[in-house]
Amino acid sequence: MLEKEFKYYIDNQAKLVEKYNNKHIVIVGNDVIGAYDNEIHAYIESVKKYKLGSFLIQLCKPGKENYTQTFHSRAIFA
């Protein structure tokens, strides 16, 4: 789930940072469909057009230490 989007980010990180440094980018497939100043705004705008689980929100910064994978779910664990 979202492996394609995350691989796209990793493979293109340098180019994406040049264009979107410090932005939260939204990736669907191999396309950046939005760039936002914060994760909340990225999420709110993305769920208007895309189903949950079909897009990746990634903070765009240089370096391997900035690779992240955060998945949001409606599941609750007790």
PDB file of N, CA and C in Angstrom:
ATOM      1  N   MET A   1       0.839  -1.177   0.000  1.00  0.00           N
ATOM      2  CA  MET A   1       0.000   0.000   0.000  1.00  0.00           C
ATOM      3  C   MET A   1       0.886   1.244   0.000  1.00  0.00           C
ATOM      4  N   LEU A   2       0.746   2.065  -0.979  1.00  0.00           N
ATOM      5  CA  LEU A   2       1.503   3.303  -1.165  1.00  0.00           C
ATOM      6  C   LEU A   2       2.996   3.065  -1.401  1.00  0.00           C
ATOM      7  N   GLU A   3       3.370   1.835  -1.669  1.00  0.00           N
ATOM      8  CA  GLU A   3       4.776   1.526  -1.944  1.00  0.00           C
ATOM      9  C   GLU A   3       5.257   2.234  -3.207  1.00  0.00           C
ATOM     10  N   LYS A   4       4.400   2.281  -4.219  1.00  0.00           N
ATOM     11  CA  LYS A   4       4.758   2.942  -5.479  1.00  0.00           C
ATOM     12  C   LYS A   4       5.043   4.426  -5.231  1.00  0.00           C
ATOM     13  N   GLU A   5       4.187   5.068  -4.448  1.00  0.00           N
ATOM     14  CA  GLU A   5       4.344   6.489  -4.164  1.00  0.00           C
ATOM     15  C   GLU A   5       5.615   6.762  -3.356  1.00  0.00           C
ATOM     16  N   PHE A   6       5.872   5.918  -2.370  1.00  0.00           N
ATOM     17  CA  PHE A   6       7.059   6.115  -1.544  1.00  0.00           C
ATOM     18  C   PHE A   6       8.325   5.871  -2.359  1.00  0.00           C
ATOM     19  N   LYS A   7       8.315   4.851  -3.215  1.00  0.00           N
ATOM     20  CA  LYS A   7       9.468   4.586  -4.088  1.00  0.00           C
ATOM     21  C   LYS A   7       9.693   5.767  -5.028  1.00  0.00           C
ATOM     22  N   TYR A   8       8.616   6.333  -5.560  1.00  0.00           N
ATOM     23  CA  TYR A   8       8.735   7.508  -6.423  1.00  0.00           C
ATOM     24  C   TYR A   8       9.422   8.640  -5.659  1.00  0.00           C
ATOM     25  N   TYR A   9       9.008   8.862  -4.417  1.00  0.00           N
ATOM     26  CA  TYR A   9       9.630   9.921  -3.621  1.00  0.00           C
ATOM     27  C   TYR A   9      11.118   9.650  -3.430  1.00  0.00           C
ATOM     28  N   ILE A  10      11.467   8.453  -3.020  1.00  0.00           N
ATOM     29  CA  ILE A  10      12.875   8.114  -2.776  1.00  0.00           C
ATOM     30  C   ILE A  10      13.693   8.270  -4.055  1.00  0.00           C
ATOM     31  N   ASP A  11      13.185   7.743  -5.160  1.00  0.00           N
ATOM     32  CA  ASP A  11      13.915   7.789  -6.434  1.00  0.00           C
ATOM     33  C   ASP A  11      14.085   9.211  -6.965  1.00  0.00           C
ATOM     34  N   ASN A  12      13.190  10.108  -6.593  1.00  0.00           N
ATOM     35  CA  ASN A  12      13.201  11.467  -7.132  1.00  0.00           C
ATOM     36  C   ASN A  12      13.414  12.539  -6.070  1.00  0.00           C
ATOM     37  N   GLN A  13      13.865  12.148  -4.906  1.00  0.00           N
ATOM     38  CA  GLN A  13      13.960  13.070  -3.778  1.00  0.00           C
ATOM     39  C   GLN A  13      14.751  14.337  -4.118  1.00  0.00           C
ATOM     40  N   ALA A  14      15.903  14.198  -4.723  1.00  0.00           N
ATOM     41  CA  ALA A  14      16.745  15.369  -5.018  1.00  0.00           C
ATOM     42  C   ALA A  14      16.004  16.381  -5.887  1.00  0.00           C
ATOM     43  N   LYS A  15      15.348  15.911  -6.949  1.00  0.00           N
ATOM     44  CA  LYS A  15      14.602  16.809  -7.837  1.00  0.00           C
ATOM     45  C   LYS A  15      13.401  17.426  -7.125  1.00  0.00           C
ATOM     46  N   LEU A  16      12.737  16.611  -6.316  1.00  0.00           N
ATOM     47  CA  LEU A  16      11.563  17.107  -5.599  1.00  0.00           C
ATOM     48  C   LEU A  16      11.949  18.159  -4.565  1.00  0.00           C
ATOM     49  N   VAL A  17      13.074  17.955  -3.891  1.00  0.00           N
ATOM     50  CA  VAL A  17      13.544  18.929  -2.895  1.00  0.00           C
ATOM     51  C   VAL A  17      13.857  20.267  -3.562  1.00  0.00           C
ATOM     52  N   GLU A  18      14.435  20.221  -4.758  1.00  0.00           N
ATOM     53  CA  GLU A  18      14.717  21.473  -5.480  1.00  0.00           C
ATOM     54  C   GLU A  18      13.445  22.300  -5.684  1.00  0.00           C
ATOM     55  N   LYS A  19      12.344  21.620  -5.924  1.00  0.00           N
ATOM     56  CA  LYS A  19      11.092  22.300  -6.236  1.00  0.00           C
ATOM     57  C   LYS A  19      10.201  22.524  -5.010  1.00  0.00           C
ATOM     58  N   TYR A  20      10.221  21.568  -4.053  1.00  0.00           N
ATOM     59  CA  TYR A  20       9.249  21.587  -2.954  1.00  0.00           C
ATOM     60  C   TYR A  20       9.890  21.564  -1.564  1.00  0.00           C
ATOM     61  N   ASN A  21      11.105  22.019  -1.410  1.00  0.00           N
ATOM     62  CA  ASN A  21      11.801  21.928  -0.123  1.00  0.00           C
ATOM     63  C   ASN A  21      10.954  22.472   1.036  1.00  0.00           C
ATOM     64  N   ASN A  22      10.865  21.678   2.092  1.00  0.00           N
ATOM     65  CA  ASN A  22      10.115  21.996   3.321  1.00  0.00           C
ATOM     66  C   ASN A  22       8.600  22.054   3.129  1.00  0.00           C
ATOM     67  N   LYS A  23       8.096  21.562   2.036  1.00  0.00           N
ATOM     68  CA  LYS A  23       6.649  21.476   1.804  1.00  0.00           C
ATOM     69  C   LYS A  23       6.193  20.043   2.061  1.00  0.00           C
ATOM     70  N   HIS A  24       4.948  19.886   2.402  1.00  0.00           N
ATOM     71  CA  HIS A  24       4.328  18.568   2.484  1.00  0.00           C
ATOM     72  C   HIS A  24       3.723  18.306   1.111  1.00  0.00           C
ATOM     73  N   ILE A  25       4.287  17.348   0.408  1.00  0.00           N
ATOM     74  CA  ILE A  25       3.792  17.053  -0.930  1.00  0.00           C
ATOM     75  C   ILE A  25       2.850  15.853  -0.872  1.00  0.00           C
ATOM     76  N   VAL A  26       1.900  15.849  -1.783  1.00  0.00           N
ATOM     77  CA  VAL A  26       0.952  14.757  -1.895  1.00  0.00           C
ATOM     78  C   VAL A  26       1.251  14.035  -3.199  1.00  0.00           C
ATOM     79  N   ILE A  27       1.491  12.732  -3.086  1.00  0.00           N
ATOM     80  CA  ILE A  27       1.869  11.924  -4.245  1.00  0.00           C
ATOM     81  C   ILE A  27       0.785  10.880  -4.496  1.00  0.00           C
ATOM     82  N   VAL A  28       0.348  10.792  -5.755  1.00  0.00           N
ATOM     83  CA  VAL A  28      -0.555   9.746  -6.214  1.00  0.00           C
ATOM     84  C   VAL A  28       0.125   9.098  -7.405  1.00  0.00           C
ATOM     85  N   GLY A  29       0.398   7.809  -7.287  1.00  0.00           N
ATOM     86  CA  GLY A  29       1.141   7.121  -8.347  1.00  0.00           C
ATOM     87  C   GLY A  29       2.521   7.728  -8.472  1.00  0.00           C
ATOM     88  N   ASN A  30       2.846   8.222  -9.639  1.00  0.00           N
ATOM     89  CA  ASN A  30       4.137   8.877  -9.884  1.00  0.00           C
ATOM     90  C   ASN A  30       3.967  10.369 -10.136  1.00  0.00           C
ATOM     91  N   ASP A  31       2.971  10.967  -9.486  1.00  0.00           N
ATOM     92  CA  ASP A  31       2.694  12.385  -9.688  1.00  0.00           C
ATOM     93  C   ASP A  31       2.545  13.112  -8.361  1.00  0.00           C
ATOM     94  N   VAL A  32       3.135  14.293  -8.284  1.00  0.00           N
ATOM     95  CA  VAL A  32       2.896  15.186  -7.164  1.00  0.00           C
ATOM     96  C   VAL A  32       1.636  15.967  -7.514  1.00  0.00           C
ATOM     97  N   ILE A  33       0.604  15.814  -6.695  1.00  0.00           N
ATOM     98  CA  ILE A  33      -0.669  16.459  -7.015  1.00  0.00           C
ATOM     99  C   ILE A  33      -0.947  17.679  -6.140  1.00  0.00           C
ATOM    100  N   GLY A  34      -0.015  17.959  -5.224  1.00  0.00           N
ATOM    101  CA  GLY A  34      -0.178  19.139  -4.386  1.00  0.00           C
ATOM    102  C   GLY A  34       1.032  19.347  -3.495  1.00  0.00           C
ATOM    103  N   ALA A  35       1.246  20.594  -3.080  1.00  0.00           N
ATOM    104  CA  ALA A  35       2.328  20.955  -2.155  1.00  0.00           C
ATOM    105  C   ALA A  35       1.760  21.954  -1.158  1.00  0.00           C
ATOM    106  N   TYR A  36       1.961  21.678   0.128  1.00  0.00           N
ATOM    107  CA  TYR A  36       1.319  22.462   1.183  1.00  0.00           C
ATOM    108  C   TYR A  36       2.317  22.811   2.280  1.00  0.00           C
ATOM    109  N   ASP A  37       1.994  23.858   3.016  1.00  0.00           N
ATOM    110  CA  ASP A  37       2.875  24.303   4.099  1.00  0.00           C
ATOM    111  C   ASP A  37       2.808  23.413   5.329  1.00  0.00           C
ATOM    112  N   ASN A  38       1.707  22.677   5.492  1.00  0.00           N
ATOM    113  CA  ASN A  38       1.616  21.770   6.637  1.00  0.00           C
ATOM    114  C   ASN A  38       0.843  20.507   6.275  1.00  0.00           C
ATOM    115  N   GLU A  39       1.040  19.474   7.098  1.00  0.00           N
ATOM    116  CA  GLU A  39       0.456  18.170   6.840  1.00  0.00           C
ATOM    117  C   GLU A  39      -1.076  18.192   6.932  1.00  0.00           C
ATOM    118  N   ILE A  40      -1.600  18.963   7.850  1.00  0.00           N
ATOM    119  CA  ILE A  40      -3.059  19.037   8.022  1.00  0.00           C
ATOM    120  C   ILE A  40      -3.726  19.585   6.759  1.00  0.00           C
ATOM    121  N   HIS A  41      -3.199  20.668   6.234  1.00  0.00           N
ATOM    122  CA  HIS A  41      -3.761  21.258   5.009  1.00  0.00           C
ATOM    123  C   HIS A  41      -3.649  20.281   3.844  1.00  0.00           C
ATOM    124  N   ALA A  42      -2.504  19.596   3.741  1.00  0.00           N
ATOM    125  CA  ALA A  42      -2.324  18.596   2.685  1.00  0.00           C
ATOM    126  C   ALA A  42      -3.382  17.509   2.788  1.00  0.00           C
ATOM    127  N   TYR A  43      -3.631  17.040   3.996  1.00  0.00           N
ATOM    128  CA  TYR A  43      -4.617  15.989   4.223  1.00  0.00           C
ATOM    129  C   TYR A  43      -6.032  16.472   3.884  1.00  0.00           C
ATOM    130  N   ILE A  44      -6.410  17.624   4.415  1.00  0.00           N
ATOM    131  CA  ILE A  44      -7.764  18.153   4.200  1.00  0.00           C
ATOM    132  C   ILE A  44      -8.057  18.327   2.716  1.00  0.00           C
ATOM    133  N   GLU A  45      -7.113  18.882   1.982  1.00  0.00           N
ATOM    134  CA  GLU A  45      -7.323  19.100   0.547  1.00  0.00           C
ATOM    135  C   GLU A  45      -7.319  17.787  -0.236  1.00  0.00           C
ATOM    136  N   SER A  46      -6.495  16.845   0.166  1.00  0.00           N
ATOM    137  CA  SER A  46      -6.378  15.584  -0.570  1.00  0.00           C
ATOM    138  C   SER A  46      -7.600  14.699  -0.423  1.00  0.00           C
ATOM    139  N   VAL A  47      -8.185  14.643   0.781  1.00  0.00           N
ATOM    140  CA  VAL A  47      -9.360  13.780   0.971  1.00  0.00           C
ATOM    141  C   VAL A  47     -10.593  14.317   0.253  1.00  0.00           C
ATOM    142  N   LYS A  48     -10.541  15.562  -0.193  1.00  0.00           N
ATOM    143  CA  LYS A  48     -11.640  16.092  -0.994  1.00  0.00           C
ATOM    144  C   LYS A  48     -11.699  15.441  -2.369  1.00  0.00           C
ATOM    145  N   LYS A  49     -10.541  14.992  -2.869  1.00  0.00           N
ATOM    146  CA  LYS A  49     -10.452  14.466  -4.229  1.00  0.00           C
ATOM    147  C   LYS A  49     -10.091  12.986  -4.298  1.00  0.00           C
ATOM    148  N   TYR A  50      -9.425  12.464  -3.261  1.00  0.00           N
ATOM    149  CA  TYR A  50      -8.896  11.112  -3.304  1.00  0.00           C
ATOM    150  C   TYR A  50      -9.338  10.312  -2.090  1.00  0.00           C
ATOM    151  N   LYS A  51      -9.502   9.032  -2.297  1.00  0.00           N
ATOM    152  CA  LYS A  51      -9.887   8.113  -1.241  1.00  0.00           C
ATOM    153  C   LYS A  51      -8.719   7.911  -0.270  1.00  0.00           C
ATOM    154  N   LEU A  52      -9.017   7.798   1.023  1.00  0.00           N
ATOM    155  CA  LEU A  52      -7.967   7.500   2.001  1.00  0.00           C
ATOM    156  C   LEU A  52      -7.228   6.231   1.589  1.00  0.00           C
ATOM    157  N   GLY A  53      -5.932   6.259   1.735  1.00  0.00           N
ATOM    158  CA  GLY A  53      -5.111   5.109   1.349  1.00  0.00           C
ATOM    159  C   GLY A  53      -4.650   5.144  -0.087  1.00  0.00           C
ATOM    160  N   SER A  54      -5.086   6.162  -0.845  1.00  0.00           N
ATOM    161  CA  SER A  54      -4.692   6.233  -2.255  1.00  0.00           C
ATOM    162  C   SER A  54      -3.668   7.328  -2.521  1.00  0.00           C
ATOM    163  N   PHE A  55      -3.248   8.042  -1.469  1.00  0.00           N
ATOM    164  CA  PHE A  55      -2.253   9.098  -1.638  1.00  0.00           C
ATOM    165  C   PHE A  55      -1.282   9.083  -0.468  1.00  0.00           C
ATOM    166  N   LEU A  56      -0.090   9.599  -0.746  1.00  0.00           N
ATOM    167  CA  LEU A  56       0.973   9.681   0.255  1.00  0.00           C
ATOM    168  C   LEU A  56       1.269  11.149   0.527  1.00  0.00           C
ATOM    169  N   ILE A  57       1.329  11.511   1.809  1.00  0.00           N
ATOM    170  CA  ILE A  57       1.759  12.849   2.201  1.00  0.00           C
ATOM    171  C   ILE A  57       3.173  12.706   2.747  1.00  0.00           C
ATOM    172  N   GLN A  58       4.109  13.439   2.151  1.00  0.00           N
ATOM    173  CA  GLN A  58       5.523  13.318   2.497  1.00  0.00           C
ATOM    174  C   GLN A  58       6.135  14.702   2.696  1.00  0.00           C
ATOM    175  N   LEU A  59       6.785  14.906   3.835  1.00  0.00           N
ATOM    176  CA  LEU A  59       7.546  16.132   4.033  1.00  0.00           C
ATOM    177  C   LEU A  59       8.762  16.058   3.126  1.00  0.00           C
ATOM    178  N   CYS A  60       8.919  17.036   2.280  1.00  0.00           N
ATOM    179  CA  CYS A  60       9.971  17.027   1.269  1.00  0.00           C
ATOM    180  C   CYS A  60      11.194  17.774   1.795  1.00  0.00           C
ATOM    181  N   LYS A  61      12.194  16.999   2.203  1.00  0.00           N
ATOM    182  CA  LYS A  61      13.451  17.549   2.718  1.00  0.00           C
ATOM    183  C   LYS A  61      14.590  16.653   2.240  1.00  0.00           C
ATOM    184  N   PRO A  62      15.804  17.201   2.158  1.00  0.00           N
ATOM    185  CA  PRO A  62      16.934  16.388   1.701  1.00  0.00           C
ATOM    186  C   PRO A  62      17.397  15.396   2.768  1.00  0.00           C
ATOM    187  N   GLY A  63      18.034  14.320   2.325  1.00  0.00           N
ATOM    188  CA  GLY A  63      18.667  13.361   3.218  1.00  0.00           C
ATOM    189  C   GLY A  63      17.824  12.142   3.531  1.00  0.00           C
ATOM    190  N   LYS A  64      18.512  11.013   3.707  1.00  0.00           N
ATOM    191  CA  LYS A  64      17.831   9.752   4.020  1.00  0.00           C
ATOM    192  C   LYS A  64      17.098   9.807   5.347  1.00  0.00           C
ATOM    193  N   GLU A  65      17.594  10.622   6.283  1.00  0.00           N
ATOM    194  CA  GLU A  65      16.948  10.709   7.594  1.00  0.00           C
ATOM    195  C   GLU A  65      15.553  11.329   7.499  1.00  0.00           C
ATOM    196  N   ASN A  66      15.222  11.884   6.363  1.00  0.00           N
ATOM    197  CA  ASN A  66      13.918  12.499   6.185  1.00  0.00           C
ATOM    198  C   ASN A  66      12.932  11.618   5.422  1.00  0.00           C
ATOM    199  N   TYR A  67      13.297  10.355   5.196  1.00  0.00           N
ATOM    200  CA  TYR A  67      12.324   9.416   4.641  1.00  0.00           C
ATOM    201  C   TYR A  67      11.349   9.082   5.762  1.00  0.00           C
ATOM    202  N   THR A  68      10.082   9.190   5.475  1.00  0.00           N
ATOM    203  CA  THR A  68       9.079   8.823   6.471  1.00  0.00           C
ATOM    204  C   THR A  68       7.980   8.022   5.809  1.00  0.00           C
ATOM    205  N   GLN A  69       7.358   7.179   6.573  1.00  0.00           N
ATOM    206  CA  GLN A  69       6.154   6.500   6.136  1.00  0.00           C
ATOM    207  C   GLN A  69       5.180   6.550   7.296  1.00  0.00           C
ATOM    208  N   THR A  70       4.149   7.352   7.158  1.00  0.00           N
ATOM    209  CA  THR A  70       3.114   7.445   8.171  1.00  0.00           C
ATOM    210  C   THR A  70       1.798   7.083   7.508  1.00  0.00           C
ATOM    211  N   PHE A  71       1.131   6.110   8.070  1.00  0.00           N
ATOM    212  CA  PHE A  71      -0.138   5.678   7.516  1.00  0.00           C
ATOM    213  C   PHE A  71      -1.238   5.983   8.511  1.00  0.00           C
ATOM    214  N   HIS A  72      -2.312   6.575   8.043  1.00  0.00           N
ATOM    215  CA  HIS A  72      -3.447   6.907   8.895  1.00  0.00           C
ATOM    216  C   HIS A  72      -4.554   5.915   8.633  1.00  0.00           C
ATOM    217  N   SER A  73      -5.191   5.488   9.700  1.00  0.00           N
ATOM    218  CA  SER A  73      -6.245   4.489   9.601  1.00  0.00           C
ATOM    219  C   SER A  73      -7.355   4.823  10.583  1.00  0.00           C
ATOM    220  N   ARG A  74      -8.501   4.286  10.326  1.00  0.00           N
ATOM    221  CA  ARG A  74      -9.616   4.423  11.271  1.00  0.00           C
ATOM    222  C   ARG A  74      -9.585   3.324  12.326  1.00  0.00           C
ATOM    223  N   ALA A  75      -8.642   2.410  12.228  1.00  0.00           N
ATOM    224  CA  ALA A  75      -8.539   1.301  13.177  1.00  0.00           C
ATOM    225  C   ALA A  75      -8.077   1.812  14.532  1.00  0.00           C
ATOM    226  N   ILE A  76      -8.643   1.232  15.586  1.00  0.00           N
ATOM    227  CA  ILE A  76      -8.257   1.561  16.947  1.00  0.00           C
ATOM    228  C   ILE A  76      -7.712   0.301  17.604  1.00  0.00           C
ATOM    229  N   PHE A  77      -6.555   0.410  18.213  1.00  0.00           N
ATOM    230  CA  PHE A  77      -5.955  -0.725  18.900  1.00  0.00           C
ATOM    231  C   PHE A  77      -6.019  -0.484  20.390  1.00  0.00           C
ATOM    232  N   ALA A  78      -6.495  -1.477  21.128  1.00  0.00           N
ATOM    233  CA  ALA A  78      -6.610  -1.330  22.590  1.00  0.00           C
ATOM    234  C   ALA A  78      -5.639  -2.239  23.300  1.00  0.00           C
TER     235      ALA A  78
END
